Every structure is written in C-alpha cells, then in structure tokens.
C-alpha cells in the first residue's frame, strides 16, 4: 500500500495532467495494476468506516441475571449465586 503522498501524486498526474496509466507507471516506477488501483480510487480516506456495536450475547439474559442478583441480596451469603452458576 502506498502512502498518501504517492497516492495523491498518481491521482494528480491522471486527472489534472491527463497522463495515461502506463506513462504514470513508467514515471513513478510502480506497477500498472497499482497505478490503476489508485487512479480509479474514489475515496481518499485511508480509515475504514466505524463498525456498529454488536449486540452482546448476554443481552437476552440480562433481565434474568439482574433478577437473580436482586434475589441473592435477600438470602444468606453462602446461598448466593456464584459467577459460575450465573
């Protein structure tokens, strides 16, 4: 992957100077496929779009777990749910 400066240079030569892809490849020393990839690239943003947070596997059970924990406050310490039992 090229850094942003060579990417912008390739885009500049292709769009503003009107050079062919082969001429740009010869001038820059990069392969034709690399030049083609960056010349036709529309989005210059190198960062991927942020992902949406996934639902937790525990979400369907949260109400039940909270109910157990509330009940455990009323029982003696030795009879409460442990992390393994929850």
N, C-alpha and C. Protein backbone atom coordinates (compact mmCIF):
# COMPACT_ATOMS: atom_id res chain seq x y z
N UNK A 1 0.85 -1.17 0.00
CA UNK A 1 0.00 0.00 0.00
C UNK A 1 0.89 1.24 0.00
N UNK A 2 0.55 2.16 -0.84
CA UNK A 2 1.31 3.40 -0.92
C UNK A 2 0.83 4.38 0.14
N UNK A 3 1.74 5.26 0.55
CA UNK A 3 1.34 6.30 1.49
C UNK A 3 0.49 7.33 0.76
N UNK A 4 -0.03 8.29 1.49
CA UNK A 4 -0.96 9.25 0.90
C UNK A 4 -0.31 10.14 -0.14
N UNK A 5 0.95 10.51 0.04
CA UNK A 5 1.60 11.42 -0.90
C UNK A 5 1.72 10.79 -2.29
N UNK A 6 2.25 9.57 -2.43
CA UNK A 6 2.27 8.97 -3.78
C UNK A 6 0.87 8.73 -4.35
N UNK A 7 -0.09 8.44 -3.49
CA UNK A 7 -1.45 8.25 -3.98
C UNK A 7 -1.99 9.54 -4.59
N UNK A 8 -1.77 10.66 -3.90
CA UNK A 8 -2.24 11.94 -4.42
C UNK A 8 -1.48 12.33 -5.68
N UNK A 9 -0.20 12.00 -5.74
CA UNK A 9 0.60 12.31 -6.92
C UNK A 9 0.07 11.54 -8.14
N UNK A 10 -0.25 10.27 -7.95
CA UNK A 10 -0.81 9.46 -9.04
C UNK A 10 -2.15 10.04 -9.48
N UNK A 11 -2.98 10.40 -8.52
CA UNK A 11 -4.29 10.97 -8.84
C UNK A 11 -4.13 12.29 -9.59
N UNK A 12 -3.16 13.10 -9.17
CA UNK A 12 -2.90 14.39 -9.82
C UNK A 12 -2.45 14.18 -11.26
N UNK A 13 -1.50 13.27 -11.47
CA UNK A 13 -1.00 13.03 -12.83
C UNK A 13 -2.10 12.50 -13.74
N UNK A 14 -2.96 11.68 -13.22
CA UNK A 14 -4.01 11.07 -14.03
C UNK A 14 -5.14 12.05 -14.34
N UNK A 15 -5.61 12.76 -13.32
CA UNK A 15 -6.78 13.62 -13.51
C UNK A 15 -6.45 15.01 -14.05
N UNK A 16 -5.40 15.63 -13.54
CA UNK A 16 -5.13 17.02 -13.91
C UNK A 16 -4.15 17.15 -15.06
N UNK A 17 -3.15 16.29 -15.11
CA UNK A 17 -2.18 16.35 -16.21
C UNK A 17 -2.64 15.52 -17.41
N UNK A 18 -3.59 14.61 -17.18
CA UNK A 18 -4.13 13.82 -18.28
C UNK A 18 -3.20 12.73 -18.78
N UNK A 19 -2.25 12.30 -17.97
CA UNK A 19 -1.31 11.26 -18.39
C UNK A 19 -2.01 9.90 -18.40
N UNK A 20 -1.52 9.02 -19.25
CA UNK A 20 -2.07 7.66 -19.30
C UNK A 20 -1.54 6.87 -18.11
N UNK A 21 -2.22 5.77 -17.83
CA UNK A 21 -1.81 4.93 -16.71
C UNK A 21 -0.43 4.34 -16.94
N UNK A 22 -0.14 3.94 -18.17
CA UNK A 22 1.17 3.36 -18.48
C UNK A 22 2.29 4.40 -18.33
N UNK A 23 2.01 5.63 -18.74
CA UNK A 23 3.02 6.69 -18.60
C UNK A 23 3.29 6.99 -17.13
N UNK A 24 2.25 6.99 -16.33
CA UNK A 24 2.42 7.22 -14.89
C UNK A 24 3.21 6.07 -14.27
N UNK A 25 2.92 4.84 -14.69
CA UNK A 25 3.64 3.67 -14.16
C UNK A 25 5.12 3.76 -14.52
N UNK A 26 5.41 4.19 -15.73
CA UNK A 26 6.81 4.30 -16.16
C UNK A 26 7.51 5.41 -15.37
N UNK A 27 6.83 6.53 -15.15
CA UNK A 27 7.43 7.67 -14.46
C UNK A 27 7.65 7.40 -12.97
N UNK A 28 6.68 6.77 -12.32
CA UNK A 28 6.78 6.56 -10.88
C UNK A 28 7.52 5.28 -10.50
N UNK A 29 7.57 4.31 -11.41
CA UNK A 29 8.25 3.06 -11.11
C UNK A 29 7.37 2.03 -10.42
N UNK A 30 6.08 2.31 -10.33
CA UNK A 30 5.14 1.37 -9.74
C UNK A 30 4.51 0.53 -10.84
N UNK A 31 3.92 -0.59 -10.47
CA UNK A 31 3.30 -1.46 -11.47
C UNK A 31 2.03 -0.81 -12.02
N UNK A 32 1.64 -1.28 -13.20
CA UNK A 32 0.45 -0.76 -13.87
C UNK A 32 -0.79 -1.00 -13.01
N UNK A 33 -0.88 -2.18 -12.38
CA UNK A 33 -2.04 -2.50 -11.55
C UNK A 33 -2.15 -1.57 -10.35
N UNK A 34 -1.01 -1.23 -9.75
CA UNK A 34 -1.00 -0.31 -8.61
C UNK A 34 -1.48 1.07 -9.05
N UNK A 35 -0.97 1.54 -10.18
CA UNK A 35 -1.37 2.85 -10.70
C UNK A 35 -2.86 2.85 -11.01
N UNK A 36 -3.35 1.79 -11.62
CA UNK A 36 -4.77 1.68 -11.97
C UNK A 36 -5.64 1.72 -10.72
N UNK A 37 -5.19 1.02 -9.67
CA UNK A 37 -5.96 0.97 -8.43
C UNK A 37 -6.09 2.35 -7.80
N UNK A 38 -4.99 3.09 -7.73
CA UNK A 38 -5.04 4.39 -7.06
C UNK A 38 -5.58 5.49 -7.96
N UNK A 39 -5.46 5.37 -9.27
CA UNK A 39 -6.01 6.38 -10.17
C UNK A 39 -7.53 6.32 -10.20
N UNK A 40 -8.09 5.14 -10.09
CA UNK A 40 -9.54 4.98 -10.14
C UNK A 40 -10.19 4.98 -8.76
N UNK A 41 -9.40 5.14 -7.73
CA UNK A 41 -9.92 5.14 -6.37
C UNK A 41 -10.72 6.42 -6.14
N UNK A 42 -11.94 6.28 -5.65
CA UNK A 42 -12.78 7.45 -5.42
C UNK A 42 -12.61 8.04 -4.03
N UNK A 43 -12.51 7.19 -3.03
CA UNK A 43 -12.44 7.65 -1.65
C UNK A 43 -10.98 7.72 -1.21
N UNK A 44 -10.52 8.90 -0.82
CA UNK A 44 -9.14 9.06 -0.37
C UNK A 44 -8.98 8.83 1.12
N UNK A 45 -10.05 8.49 1.80
CA UNK A 45 -9.99 8.29 3.24
C UNK A 45 -9.33 6.94 3.54
N UNK A 46 -8.15 6.93 4.20
CA UNK A 46 -7.48 5.67 4.48
C UNK A 46 -8.08 4.90 5.65
N UNK A 47 -9.00 5.52 6.39
CA UNK A 47 -9.56 4.89 7.57
C UNK A 47 -10.86 4.18 7.22
N UNK A 48 -11.07 2.98 7.70
CA UNK A 48 -12.33 2.30 7.44
C UNK A 48 -13.47 2.96 8.21
N UNK A 49 -14.67 2.78 7.73
CA UNK A 49 -15.81 3.35 8.43
C UNK A 49 -15.99 2.62 9.76
N UNK A 50 -16.38 3.32 10.81
CA UNK A 50 -16.53 2.67 12.11
C UNK A 50 -17.65 1.64 12.08
N UNK A 51 -17.46 0.56 12.79
CA UNK A 51 -18.45 -0.50 12.85
C UNK A 51 -19.51 -0.18 13.88
N UNK A 52 -20.69 -0.71 13.64
CA UNK A 52 -21.76 -0.56 14.61
C UNK A 52 -21.50 -1.53 15.75
N UNK A 53 -21.78 -1.12 16.98
CA UNK A 53 -21.56 -2.05 18.10
C UNK A 53 -22.48 -3.26 17.98
N UNK A 54 -21.91 -4.42 18.21
CA UNK A 54 -22.68 -5.65 18.13
C UNK A 54 -23.44 -5.88 19.43
N UNK A 55 -24.52 -6.62 19.31
CA UNK A 55 -25.30 -6.96 20.49
C UNK A 55 -24.53 -8.01 21.30
N UNK A 56 -24.53 -7.84 22.59
CA UNK A 56 -23.86 -8.78 23.47
C UNK A 56 -24.62 -10.10 23.51
N UNK A 57 -23.89 -11.19 23.71
CA UNK A 57 -24.54 -12.49 23.82
C UNK A 57 -25.37 -12.60 25.10
N UNK A 58 -25.06 -11.75 26.06
CA UNK A 58 -25.79 -11.79 27.33
C UNK A 58 -27.05 -10.92 27.33
N UNK A 59 -27.23 -10.09 26.32
CA UNK A 59 -28.38 -9.18 26.31
C UNK A 59 -29.72 -9.87 26.51
N UNK A 60 -29.98 -11.01 25.87
CA UNK A 60 -31.29 -11.65 26.11
C UNK A 60 -31.47 -12.13 27.55
N UNK A 61 -30.39 -12.31 28.29
CA UNK A 61 -30.46 -12.89 29.63
C UNK A 61 -30.25 -11.85 30.74
N UNK A 62 -30.02 -10.60 30.39
CA UNK A 62 -29.71 -9.59 31.40
C UNK A 62 -30.82 -9.42 32.43
N UNK A 63 -32.04 -9.43 31.99
CA UNK A 63 -33.15 -9.26 32.93
C UNK A 63 -33.18 -10.40 33.95
N UNK A 64 -32.96 -11.62 33.48
CA UNK A 64 -32.97 -12.79 34.38
C UNK A 64 -31.80 -12.71 35.36
N UNK A 65 -30.64 -12.32 34.88
CA UNK A 65 -29.45 -12.23 35.75
C UNK A 65 -29.67 -11.14 36.81
N UNK A 66 -30.21 -9.99 36.38
CA UNK A 66 -30.48 -8.91 37.34
C UNK A 66 -31.48 -9.36 38.40
N UNK A 67 -32.47 -10.13 37.98
CA UNK A 67 -33.46 -10.65 38.92
C UNK A 67 -32.80 -11.58 39.94
N UNK A 68 -31.92 -12.46 39.46
CA UNK A 68 -31.20 -13.37 40.36
C UNK A 68 -30.36 -12.59 41.37
N UNK A 69 -29.67 -11.58 40.89
CA UNK A 69 -28.80 -10.80 41.78
C UNK A 69 -29.61 -10.05 42.84
N UNK A 70 -30.79 -9.55 42.47
CA UNK A 70 -31.65 -8.89 43.45
C UNK A 70 -32.14 -9.89 44.50
N UNK A 71 -32.50 -11.10 44.05
CA UNK A 71 -32.94 -12.13 44.99
C UNK A 71 -31.80 -12.56 45.91
N UNK A 72 -30.58 -12.59 45.38
CA UNK A 72 -29.42 -13.02 46.16
C UNK A 72 -29.12 -12.07 47.31
N UNK A 73 -29.55 -10.82 47.22
CA UNK A 73 -29.31 -9.88 48.31
C UNK A 73 -30.11 -10.24 49.55
N UNK A 74 -31.19 -10.98 49.34
CA UNK A 74 -32.09 -11.32 50.45
C UNK A 74 -31.73 -12.63 51.13
N UNK A 75 -30.91 -13.45 50.48
CA UNK A 75 -30.56 -14.76 51.05
C UNK A 75 -29.20 -14.68 51.73
N UNK A 76 -28.89 -15.65 52.61
CA UNK A 76 -27.58 -15.66 53.27
C UNK A 76 -26.44 -15.75 52.24
N UNK A 77 -25.28 -15.29 52.65
CA UNK A 77 -24.13 -15.19 51.77
C UNK A 77 -23.75 -16.52 51.13
N UNK A 78 -23.80 -17.59 51.86
CA UNK A 78 -23.39 -18.90 51.35
C UNK A 78 -24.35 -19.47 50.31
N UNK A 79 -25.57 -18.95 50.25
CA UNK A 79 -26.56 -19.49 49.32
C UNK A 79 -26.70 -18.68 48.04
N UNK A 80 -25.88 -17.67 47.88
CA UNK A 80 -25.99 -16.80 46.71
C UNK A 80 -25.40 -17.46 45.46
N UNK A 81 -25.78 -16.93 44.30
CA UNK A 81 -25.24 -17.41 43.02
C UNK A 81 -23.78 -16.98 42.90
N UNK A 82 -22.98 -17.87 42.38
CA UNK A 82 -21.58 -17.53 42.10
C UNK A 82 -21.48 -17.13 40.64
N UNK A 83 -20.32 -16.64 40.23
CA UNK A 83 -20.11 -16.28 38.83
C UNK A 83 -20.29 -17.46 37.91
N UNK A 84 -19.92 -18.65 38.35
CA UNK A 84 -20.05 -19.86 37.54
C UNK A 84 -21.52 -20.25 37.40
N UNK A 85 -22.27 -20.13 38.46
CA UNK A 85 -23.68 -20.53 38.44
C UNK A 85 -24.53 -19.57 37.64
N UNK A 86 -24.14 -18.30 37.58
CA UNK A 86 -24.92 -17.32 36.82
C UNK A 86 -24.77 -17.65 35.37
